[in-house]
């Protein structure tokens, strides 16, 4: 008696699978090789372009260093006042702060700016830092104007005061960063 034959399914030959895998593998290796070569190759500069050479910033003179050290504690207070004022505005807008608390917190910042103005005016910058000194003083005055405008919201509950105060504060912040980059290049700059 003969046994009945089983039905067999025809499967692709293992050779076809191996060949297909090999082709895909070689293609991926080729892509990796091309990417590595492109990454390692120097990027051509435009015709006529000069290479960028960074020159180290010259060290501050003794007089400039003394001015920078005298301004540093004032600068820290101004930055703290600016952060306090900004956070007060944000908390007010997100309804985590009532208007009277906003007013008192911004008033504290305003007092910081007024003290800072007196202290900055008392400093005698060297001639090379006169422009930076004036810019810093201007920033402190802008912060005072911004704080005074923010405090007006307690009088009439109009949020337009916040909208008016914000650009003044932003301009002051930009000026502080510019002077800070000149006097304290390694200073932490908040985002």
N, C-alpha and C. Protein backbone atom coordinates (compact mmCIF):
# COMPACT_ATOMS: atom_id res chain seq x y z
N UNK A 1 0.82 -1.16 0.00
CA UNK A 1 0.00 0.00 0.00
C UNK A 1 0.87 1.23 0.00
N UNK A 2 0.49 2.08 -0.82
CA UNK A 2 1.25 3.30 -0.91
C UNK A 2 0.59 4.36 -0.07
N UNK A 3 1.41 5.07 0.47
CA UNK A 3 0.88 6.16 1.30
C UNK A 3 0.45 7.32 0.42
N UNK A 4 -0.60 7.99 0.88
CA UNK A 4 -1.02 9.17 0.09
C UNK A 4 0.01 10.29 0.28
N UNK A 5 0.23 10.97 -0.75
CA UNK A 5 1.17 12.09 -0.69
C UNK A 5 0.52 13.29 -0.04
N UNK A 6 1.33 13.95 0.76
CA UNK A 6 0.83 15.18 1.38
C UNK A 6 0.98 16.32 0.40
N UNK A 7 0.03 17.24 0.54
CA UNK A 7 0.12 18.43 -0.31
C UNK A 7 1.19 19.34 0.28
N UNK A 8 2.05 19.75 -0.52
CA UNK A 8 3.10 20.63 -0.03
C UNK A 8 2.90 22.00 -0.64
N UNK A 9 3.22 22.97 0.18
CA UNK A 9 3.13 24.34 -0.33
C UNK A 9 4.51 24.72 -0.82
N UNK A 10 4.50 25.41 -1.85
CA UNK A 10 5.77 25.83 -2.40
C UNK A 10 6.13 27.15 -1.76
N UNK A 11 7.26 27.16 -1.12
CA UNK A 11 7.72 28.41 -0.50
C UNK A 11 8.89 28.91 -1.32
N UNK A 12 9.10 30.23 -1.24
CA UNK A 12 10.23 30.75 -2.00
C UNK A 12 11.50 30.08 -1.52
N UNK A 13 12.36 29.93 -2.42
CA UNK A 13 13.61 29.29 -2.07
C UNK A 13 14.40 30.17 -1.11
N UNK A 14 15.10 29.59 -0.19
CA UNK A 14 15.91 30.38 0.73
C UNK A 14 16.91 31.25 0.00
N UNK A 15 17.36 30.87 -1.13
CA UNK A 15 18.33 31.65 -1.88
C UNK A 15 17.79 33.01 -2.28
N UNK A 16 16.51 33.11 -2.61
CA UNK A 16 15.90 34.37 -3.01
C UNK A 16 15.81 35.30 -1.79
N UNK A 17 15.45 34.77 -0.64
CA UNK A 17 15.36 35.58 0.58
C UNK A 17 16.73 36.14 0.95
N UNK A 18 17.71 35.31 0.88
CA UNK A 18 19.06 35.73 1.24
C UNK A 18 19.55 36.80 0.27
N UNK A 19 19.27 36.61 -1.00
CA UNK A 19 19.70 37.60 -2.01
C UNK A 19 19.00 38.93 -1.79
N UNK A 20 17.71 38.90 -1.51
CA UNK A 20 16.95 40.12 -1.27
C UNK A 20 17.47 40.84 -0.02
N UNK A 21 17.72 40.10 1.05
CA UNK A 21 18.29 40.68 2.26
C UNK A 21 19.66 41.30 1.98
N UNK A 22 20.45 40.61 1.20
CA UNK A 22 21.78 41.11 0.85
C UNK A 22 21.71 42.43 0.09
N UNK A 23 20.77 42.54 -0.84
CA UNK A 23 20.62 43.78 -1.62
C UNK A 23 20.22 44.93 -0.70
N UNK A 24 19.26 44.69 0.18
CA UNK A 24 18.82 45.73 1.11
C UNK A 24 19.96 46.11 2.04
N UNK A 25 20.69 45.14 2.53
CA UNK A 25 21.80 45.40 3.44
C UNK A 25 22.89 46.23 2.76
N UNK A 26 23.23 45.88 1.55
CA UNK A 26 24.26 46.62 0.81
C UNK A 26 23.78 48.05 0.52
N UNK A 27 22.51 48.21 0.19
CA UNK A 27 21.97 49.55 -0.07
C UNK A 27 22.05 50.41 1.19
N UNK A 28 21.70 49.84 2.34
CA UNK A 28 21.79 50.59 3.60
C UNK A 28 23.23 50.94 3.93
N UNK A 29 24.14 50.02 3.72
CA UNK A 29 25.55 50.32 3.95
C UNK A 29 26.03 51.44 3.04
N UNK A 30 25.57 51.42 1.80
CA UNK A 30 25.93 52.47 0.85
C UNK A 30 25.43 53.82 1.31
N UNK A 31 24.19 53.88 1.80
CA UNK A 31 23.64 55.14 2.30
C UNK A 31 24.44 55.64 3.50
N UNK A 32 24.77 54.74 4.41
CA UNK A 32 25.58 55.13 5.57
C UNK A 32 26.95 55.64 5.14
N UNK A 33 27.55 55.01 4.17
CA UNK A 33 28.85 55.42 3.69
C UNK A 33 28.78 56.81 3.06
N UNK A 34 27.76 57.04 2.23
CA UNK A 34 27.59 58.35 1.59
C UNK A 34 27.38 59.43 2.65
N UNK A 35 26.56 59.14 3.66
CA UNK A 35 26.31 60.11 4.73
C UNK A 35 27.58 60.40 5.51
N UNK A 36 28.36 59.39 5.78
CA UNK A 36 29.60 59.59 6.53
C UNK A 36 30.59 60.42 5.73
N UNK A 37 30.70 60.15 4.44
CA UNK A 37 31.62 60.92 3.59
C UNK A 37 31.18 62.37 3.51
N UNK A 38 29.89 62.60 3.31
CA UNK A 38 29.37 63.97 3.22
C UNK A 38 29.58 64.72 4.53
N UNK A 39 29.41 64.02 5.64
CA UNK A 39 29.57 64.65 6.94
C UNK A 39 31.03 65.00 7.22
N UNK A 40 31.92 64.17 6.77
CA UNK A 40 33.34 64.38 7.02
C UNK A 40 33.97 65.37 6.05
N UNK A 41 33.39 65.55 4.89
CA UNK A 41 33.97 66.44 3.88
C UNK A 41 33.83 67.89 4.31
N UNK A 42 34.88 68.70 4.06
CA UNK A 42 34.77 70.12 4.40
C UNK A 42 33.74 70.80 3.51
N UNK A 43 33.03 71.74 4.09
CA UNK A 43 32.02 72.45 3.30
C UNK A 43 32.71 73.56 2.54
N UNK A 44 32.44 73.63 1.25
CA UNK A 44 33.08 74.68 0.46
C UNK A 44 32.51 76.04 0.83
N UNK A 45 33.38 77.04 0.87
CA UNK A 45 32.91 78.39 1.15
C UNK A 45 32.62 79.08 -0.17
N UNK A 46 31.72 80.06 -0.15
CA UNK A 46 31.40 80.77 -1.38
C UNK A 46 32.66 81.41 -1.96
N UNK A 47 32.64 81.58 -3.26
CA UNK A 47 33.78 82.16 -3.95
C UNK A 47 34.06 83.55 -3.39
N UNK A 48 35.28 83.78 -3.04
CA UNK A 48 35.68 85.09 -2.54
C UNK A 48 35.43 85.29 -1.06
N UNK A 49 34.83 84.32 -0.40
CA UNK A 49 34.54 84.47 1.03
C UNK A 49 35.82 84.24 1.83
N UNK A 50 35.96 85.01 2.86
CA UNK A 50 37.11 84.85 3.74
C UNK A 50 36.73 83.93 4.89
N UNK A 51 37.68 83.16 5.34
CA UNK A 51 37.36 82.30 6.49
C UNK A 51 37.10 83.16 7.72
N UNK A 52 36.18 82.69 8.55
CA UNK A 52 35.84 83.41 9.76
C UNK A 52 36.87 83.08 10.82
N UNK A 53 37.52 84.11 11.29
CA UNK A 53 38.52 83.94 12.33
C UNK A 53 38.03 84.72 13.53
N UNK A 54 37.78 84.02 14.62
CA UNK A 54 37.31 84.73 15.80
C UNK A 54 38.51 85.23 16.58
N UNK A 55 38.47 86.49 16.85
CA UNK A 55 39.55 87.07 17.63
C UNK A 55 39.06 87.19 19.06
N UNK A 56 39.91 86.87 19.99
CA UNK A 56 39.47 86.98 21.38
C UNK A 56 39.19 88.43 21.75
N UNK A 57 38.21 88.60 22.59
CA UNK A 57 37.85 89.93 23.05
C UNK A 57 38.97 90.46 23.92
N UNK A 58 39.38 91.70 23.69
CA UNK A 58 40.46 92.22 24.53
C UNK A 58 40.01 92.32 25.98
N UNK A 59 40.96 92.12 26.85
CA UNK A 59 40.66 92.19 28.29
C UNK A 59 40.30 93.62 28.66
N UNK A 60 39.48 93.75 29.68
CA UNK A 60 39.12 95.08 30.17
C UNK A 60 40.36 95.72 30.82
N UNK A 61 40.44 97.02 30.66
CA UNK A 61 41.52 97.75 31.34
C UNK A 61 41.21 97.74 32.84
N UNK A 62 42.16 98.22 33.63
CA UNK A 62 41.95 98.26 35.09
C UNK A 62 40.77 99.15 35.44
N UNK A 63 40.63 100.29 34.76
CA UNK A 63 39.52 101.20 35.03
C UNK A 63 38.19 100.59 34.60
N UNK A 64 38.19 99.90 33.47
CA UNK A 64 36.96 99.23 32.99
C UNK A 64 36.57 98.10 33.93
N UNK A 65 37.55 97.36 34.39
CA UNK A 65 37.28 96.26 35.33
C UNK A 65 36.71 96.80 36.64
N UNK A 66 37.26 97.90 37.12
CA UNK A 66 36.76 98.51 38.37
C UNK A 66 35.31 98.97 38.19
N UNK A 67 35.01 99.55 37.04
CA UNK A 67 33.64 99.99 36.75
C UNK A 67 32.70 98.78 36.70
N UNK A 68 33.12 97.73 35.99
CA UNK A 68 32.30 96.53 35.87
C UNK A 68 32.03 95.91 37.24
N UNK A 69 33.04 95.89 38.10
CA UNK A 69 32.85 95.33 39.44
C UNK A 69 31.93 96.20 40.29
N UNK A 70 32.01 97.50 40.11
CA UNK A 70 31.12 98.40 40.88
C UNK A 70 29.68 98.29 40.40
N UNK A 71 29.49 98.05 39.11
CA UNK A 71 28.14 97.96 38.55
C UNK A 71 27.51 96.59 38.81
N UNK A 72 28.31 95.57 39.03
CA UNK A 72 27.79 94.20 39.15
C UNK A 72 26.70 94.04 40.21
N UNK A 73 26.88 94.52 41.46
CA UNK A 73 25.80 94.33 42.45
C UNK A 73 24.52 95.07 42.06
N UNK A 74 24.67 96.23 41.44
CA UNK A 74 23.50 96.97 40.97
C UNK A 74 22.79 96.16 39.88
N UNK A 75 23.59 95.62 38.98
CA UNK A 75 23.06 94.82 37.87
C UNK A 75 22.26 93.62 38.39
N UNK A 76 22.79 92.96 39.40
CA UNK A 76 22.07 91.81 39.96
C UNK A 76 20.72 92.23 40.54
N UNK A 77 20.68 93.36 41.20
CA UNK A 77 19.41 93.85 41.76
C UNK A 77 18.43 94.23 40.65
N UNK A 78 18.92 94.86 39.61
CA UNK A 78 18.05 95.25 38.49
C UNK A 78 17.48 94.00 37.82
N UNK A 79 18.33 93.00 37.60
CA UNK A 79 17.84 91.76 36.99
C UNK A 79 16.79 91.10 37.87
N UNK A 80 17.02 91.08 39.17
CA UNK A 80 16.04 90.46 40.09
C UNK A 80 14.73 91.23 40.06
N UNK A 81 14.82 92.57 40.02
CA UNK A 81 13.60 93.39 39.93
C UNK A 81 12.85 93.14 38.63
N UNK A 82 13.60 92.99 37.55
CA UNK A 82 12.96 92.73 36.26
C UNK A 82 12.25 91.38 36.26
N UNK A 83 12.91 90.39 36.83
CA UNK A 83 12.28 89.06 36.90
C UNK A 83 11.03 89.10 37.78
N UNK A 84 11.13 89.77 38.91
CA UNK A 84 9.98 89.88 39.82
C UNK A 84 8.82 90.59 39.12
N UNK A 85 9.13 91.66 38.39
CA UNK A 85 8.08 92.41 37.71
C UNK A 85 7.44 91.57 36.60
N UNK A 86 8.26 90.88 35.83
CA UNK A 86 7.74 90.03 34.76
C UNK A 86 6.86 88.93 35.31
N UNK A 87 7.33 88.27 36.36
CA UNK A 87 6.55 87.19 36.94
C UNK A 87 5.24 87.70 37.54
N UNK A 88 5.26 88.89 38.10
CA UNK A 88 4.02 89.48 38.64
C UNK A 88 3.02 89.69 37.52
N UNK A 89 3.48 90.21 36.40
CA UNK A 89 2.59 90.42 35.26
C UNK A 89 2.01 89.12 34.73
N UNK A 90 2.86 88.10 34.63
CA UNK A 90 2.40 86.78 34.16
C UNK A 90 1.39 86.20 35.13
N UNK A 91 1.68 86.28 36.42
CA UNK A 91 0.75 85.72 37.40
C UNK A 91 -0.57 86.48 37.41
N UNK A 92 -0.52 87.77 37.18
CA UNK A 92 -1.76 88.54 37.11
C UNK A 92 -2.57 88.09 35.89
N UNK A 93 -1.89 87.96 34.75
CA UNK A 93 -2.60 87.56 33.52
C UNK A 93 -3.18 86.16 33.63
N UNK A 94 -2.54 85.29 34.39
CA UNK A 94 -3.05 83.92 34.54
C UNK A 94 -3.97 83.80 35.75
N UNK A 95 -4.34 84.94 36.30
CA UNK A 95 -5.29 85.04 37.41
C UNK A 95 -4.80 84.32 38.67
N UNK A 96 -3.50 84.34 38.89
CA UNK A 96 -2.94 83.78 40.11
C UNK A 96 -2.54 84.89 41.08
N UNK A 97 -2.81 86.12 40.67
CA UNK A 97 -2.40 87.27 41.48
C UNK A 97 -3.49 88.33 41.36
N UNK A 98 -3.90 88.89 42.48
CA UNK A 98 -4.89 89.96 42.42
C UNK A 98 -4.18 91.27 42.10
N UNK A 99 -4.95 92.27 41.74
CA UNK A 99 -4.39 93.53 41.26
C UNK A 99 -3.61 94.27 42.34
N UNK A 100 -4.03 94.19 43.58
CA UNK A 100 -3.31 94.89 44.64
C UNK A 100 -1.95 94.24 44.93
N UNK A 101 -1.91 92.92 44.86
CA UNK A 101 -0.62 92.23 45.04
C UNK A 101 0.30 92.55 43.86
N UNK A 102 -0.27 92.59 42.66
CA UNK A 102 0.51 93.00 41.48
C UNK A 102 1.12 94.37 41.72
N UNK A 103 0.29 95.28 42.18
CA UNK A 103 0.76 96.66 42.40
C UNK A 103 1.90 96.69 43.43
N UNK A 104 1.76 95.96 44.52
CA UNK A 104 2.80 96.00 45.55
C UNK A 104 4.10 95.34 45.07
N UNK A 105 4.00 94.26 44.32
CA UNK A 105 5.20 93.60 43.82
C UNK A 105 5.91 94.46 42.77
N UNK A 106 5.15 95.09 41.91
CA UNK A 106 5.75 95.96 40.90
C UNK A 106 6.32 97.21 41.56
N UNK A 107 5.68 97.69 42.61
CA UNK A 107 6.20 98.84 43.36
C UNK A 107 7.57 98.51 43.96
N UNK A 108 7.74 97.28 44.42
CA UNK A 108 9.05 96.87 44.94
C UNK A 108 10.11 96.90 43.84
N UNK A 109 9.73 96.46 42.65
CA UNK A 109 10.66 96.52 41.52
C UNK A 109 10.96 97.97 41.16
N UNK A 110 9.95 98.81 41.16
CA UNK A 110 10.15 100.22 40.85
C UNK A 110 11.13 100.85 41.84
N UNK A 111 11.00 100.51 43.11
CA UNK A 111 11.93 101.04 44.11
C UNK A 111 13.36 100.55 43.83
N UNK A 112 13.50 99.31 43.42
CA UNK A 112 14.81 98.77 43.05
C UNK A 112 15.41 99.58 41.90
N UNK A 113 14.59 99.89 40.90
CA UNK A 113 15.07 100.66 39.74
C UNK A 113 15.46 102.08 40.14
N UNK A 114 14.72 102.67 41.05
CA UNK A 114 15.05 104.03 41.49
C UNK A 114 16.38 104.04 42.25
N UNK A 115 16.59 103.06 43.11
CA UNK A 115 17.87 102.95 43.81
C UNK A 115 19.00 102.72 42.81
N UNK A 116 18.74 101.85 41.84
CA UNK A 116 19.75 101.55 40.83
C UNK A 116 20.12 102.79 40.03
N UNK A 117 19.13 103.61 39.70
CA UNK A 117 19.43 104.84 38.96
C UNK A 117 20.39 105.73 39.74
N UNK A 118 20.12 105.90 41.02
CA UNK A 118 20.99 106.73 41.86
C UNK A 118 22.40 106.13 41.90
N UNK A 119 22.48 104.82 42.06
CA UNK A 119 23.78 104.16 42.14
C UNK A 119 24.55 104.25 40.82
N UNK A 120 23.86 104.06 39.71
CA UNK A 120 24.52 104.11 38.40
C UNK A 120 24.99 105.53 38.11
N UNK A 121 24.16 106.52 38.44
CA UNK A 121 24.56 107.91 38.22
C UNK A 121 25.79 108.28 39.05
N UNK A 122 25.97 107.64 40.20
CA UNK A 122 27.12 107.93 41.06
C UNK A 122 28.42 107.32 40.53
N UNK A 123 28.30 106.35 39.65
CA UNK A 123 29.51 105.72 39.10
C UNK A 123 30.16 106.63 38.06
N UNK A 124 31.47 106.59 38.02
CA UNK A 124 32.23 107.34 37.03
C UNK A 124 32.87 106.34 36.06
N UNK A 125 32.26 106.14 34.90
CA UNK A 125 32.84 105.16 33.97
C UNK A 125 34.09 105.74 33.31
N UNK A 126 34.99 104.87 32.91
CA UNK A 126 36.11 105.36 32.11
C UNK A 126 35.57 105.81 30.76
N UNK A 127 36.27 106.69 30.06
CA UNK A 127 35.77 107.19 28.77
C UNK A 127 35.37 106.09 27.79
N UNK A 128 36.07 104.97 27.82
CA UNK A 128 35.75 103.88 26.89
C UNK A 128 34.40 103.23 27.17
N UNK A 129 33.85 103.45 28.37
CA UNK A 129 32.56 102.84 28.73
C UNK A 129 31.44 103.88 28.90
N UNK A 130 31.67 105.10 28.46
CA UNK A 130 30.62 106.13 28.57
C UNK A 130 29.34 105.71 27.86
N UNK A 131 29.47 105.16 26.65
CA UNK A 131 28.28 104.74 25.89
C UNK A 131 27.56 103.61 26.62
N UNK A 132 28.31 102.63 27.13
CA UNK A 132 27.69 101.52 27.86
C UNK A 132 27.01 102.03 29.12
N UNK A 133 27.64 102.97 29.80
CA UNK A 133 27.08 103.56 31.02
C UNK A 133 25.74 104.25 30.70
N UNK A 134 25.74 105.05 29.64
CA UNK A 134 24.52 105.74 29.25
C UNK A 134 23.42 104.76 28.83
N UNK A 135 23.82 103.70 28.14
CA UNK A 135 22.84 102.69 27.72
C UNK A 135 22.24 101.99 28.93
N UNK A 136 23.09 101.68 29.90
CA UNK A 136 22.62 101.01 31.11
C UNK A 136 21.67 101.92 31.89
N UNK A 137 22.05 103.16 32.03
CA UNK A 137 21.20 104.13 32.72
C UNK A 137 19.86 104.27 32.01
N UNK A 138 19.90 104.31 30.68
CA UNK A 138 18.65 104.37 29.90
C UNK A 138 17.77 103.16 30.13
N UNK A 139 18.39 101.99 30.27
CA UNK A 139 17.63 100.77 30.53
C UNK A 139 16.94 100.83 31.88
N UNK A 140 17.64 101.35 32.88
CA UNK A 140 17.05 101.47 34.22
C UNK A 140 15.86 102.43 34.19
N UNK A 141 15.98 103.51 33.45
CA UNK A 141 14.87 104.47 33.31
C UNK A 141 13.70 103.81 32.58
N UNK A 142 13.99 103.02 31.55
CA UNK A 142 12.91 102.30 30.85
C UNK A 142 12.19 101.33 31.78
N UNK A 143 12.95 100.65 32.62
CA UNK A 143 12.32 99.75 33.59
C UNK A 143 11.43 100.54 34.55
N UNK A 144 11.85 101.72 34.95
CA UNK A 144 11.01 102.54 35.83
C UNK A 144 9.71 102.92 35.13
N UNK A 145 9.82 103.31 33.88
CA UNK A 145 8.62 103.69 33.12
C UNK A 145 7.69 102.50 32.96
N UNK A 146 8.27 101.33 32.70
CA UNK A 146 7.47 100.12 32.54
C UNK A 146 6.75 99.78 33.85
N UNK A 147 7.46 99.86 34.96
CA UNK A 147 6.85 99.55 36.26
C UNK A 147 5.74 100.54 36.59
N UNK A 148 5.99 101.82 36.35
CA UNK A 148 4.97 102.84 36.64
C UNK A 148 3.71 102.58 35.81
N UNK A 149 3.92 102.18 34.56
CA UNK A 149 2.77 101.89 33.69
C UNK A 149 2.02 100.65 34.18
N UNK A 150 2.75 99.63 34.58
CA UNK A 150 2.09 98.41 35.08
C UNK A 150 1.26 98.70 36.32
N UNK A 151 1.76 99.57 37.18
CA UNK A 151 1.05 99.87 38.42
C UNK A 151 -0.27 100.60 38.16
N UNK A 152 -0.41 101.25 37.03
CA UNK A 152 -1.65 101.96 36.69
C UNK A 152 -2.84 101.02 36.52
N UNK A 153 -2.56 99.75 36.34
CA UNK A 153 -3.66 98.79 36.19
C UNK A 153 -4.49 98.74 37.47
N UNK A 154 -3.90 99.04 38.60
CA UNK A 154 -4.64 99.03 39.87
C UNK A 154 -5.64 100.18 39.92
N UNK A 155 -5.40 101.25 39.18
CA UNK A 155 -6.30 102.41 39.19
C UNK A 155 -7.57 102.17 38.39
N UNK A 156 -7.42 101.58 37.20
CA UNK A 156 -8.59 101.46 36.33
C UNK A 156 -8.85 100.04 35.81
N UNK A 157 -8.04 99.09 36.23
CA UNK A 157 -8.19 97.67 35.83
C UNK A 157 -8.11 97.47 34.32
N UNK A 158 -7.47 98.38 33.62
CA UNK A 158 -7.32 98.28 32.17
C UNK A 158 -6.02 97.54 31.83
N UNK A 159 -6.15 96.43 31.13
CA UNK A 159 -4.97 95.63 30.80
C UNK A 159 -4.10 96.28 29.73
N UNK A 160 -4.56 97.35 29.13
CA UNK A 160 -3.74 98.06 28.16
C UNK A 160 -2.45 98.56 28.80
N UNK A 161 -2.46 98.76 30.12
CA UNK A 161 -1.25 99.18 30.82
C UNK A 161 -0.16 98.11 30.72
N UNK A 162 -0.57 96.86 30.79
CA UNK A 162 0.40 95.78 30.62
C UNK A 162 0.96 95.77 29.21
N UNK A 163 0.09 96.02 28.24
CA UNK A 163 0.53 96.04 26.85
C UNK A 163 1.46 97.21 26.56
N UNK A 164 1.26 98.30 27.24
CA UNK A 164 2.13 99.46 27.08
C UNK A 164 3.45 99.23 27.80
N UNK A 165 3.40 98.60 28.95
CA UNK A 165 4.60 98.37 29.76
C UNK A 165 5.54 97.33 29.15
N UNK A 166 4.99 96.35 28.48
CA UNK A 166 5.80 95.23 28.00
C UNK A 166 6.93 95.66 27.05
N UNK A 167 6.66 96.45 26.00
CA UNK A 167 7.78 96.82 25.10
C UNK A 167 8.86 97.65 25.80
N UNK A 168 8.47 98.46 26.78
CA UNK A 168 9.47 99.23 27.53
C UNK A 168 10.40 98.28 28.27
N UNK A 169 9.82 97.28 28.89
CA UNK A 169 10.59 96.29 29.63
C UNK A 169 11.49 95.48 28.68
N UNK A 170 10.97 95.13 27.52
CA UNK A 170 11.76 94.39 26.54
C UNK A 170 12.95 95.21 26.05
N UNK A 171 12.73 96.49 25.77
CA UNK A 171 13.83 97.35 25.32
C UNK A 171 14.88 97.48 26.42
N UNK A 172 14.44 97.61 27.66
CA UNK A 172 15.38 97.70 28.78
C UNK A 172 16.19 96.41 28.90
N UNK A 173 15.52 95.29 28.75
CA UNK A 173 16.19 93.99 28.84
C UNK A 173 17.24 93.84 27.75
N UNK A 174 16.92 94.24 26.53
CA UNK A 174 17.89 94.17 25.43
C UNK A 174 19.12 95.02 25.73
N UNK A 175 18.90 96.22 26.28
CA UNK A 175 20.01 97.11 26.61
C UNK A 175 20.88 96.49 27.71
N UNK A 176 20.26 95.91 28.72
CA UNK A 176 21.01 95.26 29.79
C UNK A 176 21.86 94.11 29.24
N UNK A 177 21.28 93.31 28.34
CA UNK A 177 22.04 92.21 27.76
C UNK A 177 23.22 92.72 26.94
N UNK A 178 23.02 93.81 26.21
CA UNK A 178 24.11 94.36 25.40
C UNK A 178 25.25 94.85 26.28
N UNK A 179 24.93 95.58 27.32
CA UNK A 179 25.97 96.05 28.24
C UNK A 179 26.60 94.87 28.96
N UNK A 180 25.77 93.92 29.37
CA UNK A 180 26.29 92.74 30.05
C UNK A 180 27.25 91.95 29.18
N UNK A 181 26.97 91.84 27.88
CA UNK A 181 27.86 91.12 26.98
C UNK A 181 29.21 91.82 26.88
N UNK A 182 29.21 93.12 27.03
CA UNK A 182 30.45 93.88 26.96
C UNK A 182 31.24 93.78 28.27
N UNK A 183 30.55 93.87 29.39
CA UNK A 183 31.24 93.90 30.68
C UNK A 183 31.44 92.53 31.31
N UNK A 184 30.47 91.64 31.13
CA UNK A 184 30.51 90.32 31.76
C UNK A 184 30.18 89.27 30.70
N UNK A 185 31.07 88.99 29.76
CA UNK A 185 30.73 88.12 28.64
C UNK A 185 30.31 86.71 29.02
N UNK A 186 30.70 86.22 30.17
CA UNK A 186 30.30 84.87 30.57
C UNK A 186 29.05 84.84 31.40
N UNK A 187 28.37 85.98 31.53
CA UNK A 187 27.20 86.06 32.39
C UNK A 187 26.08 85.18 31.87
N UNK A 188 25.38 84.55 32.79
CA UNK A 188 24.19 83.77 32.44
C UNK A 188 23.13 84.71 31.91
N UNK A 189 22.64 84.39 30.72
CA UNK A 189 21.59 85.22 30.12
C UNK A 189 20.30 84.41 30.13
N UNK A 190 19.29 84.87 30.84
CA UNK A 190 18.02 84.14 30.86
C UNK A 190 17.37 84.19 29.49
N UNK A 191 16.59 83.18 29.15
CA UNK A 191 15.93 83.16 27.87
C UNK A 191 14.65 83.92 27.89
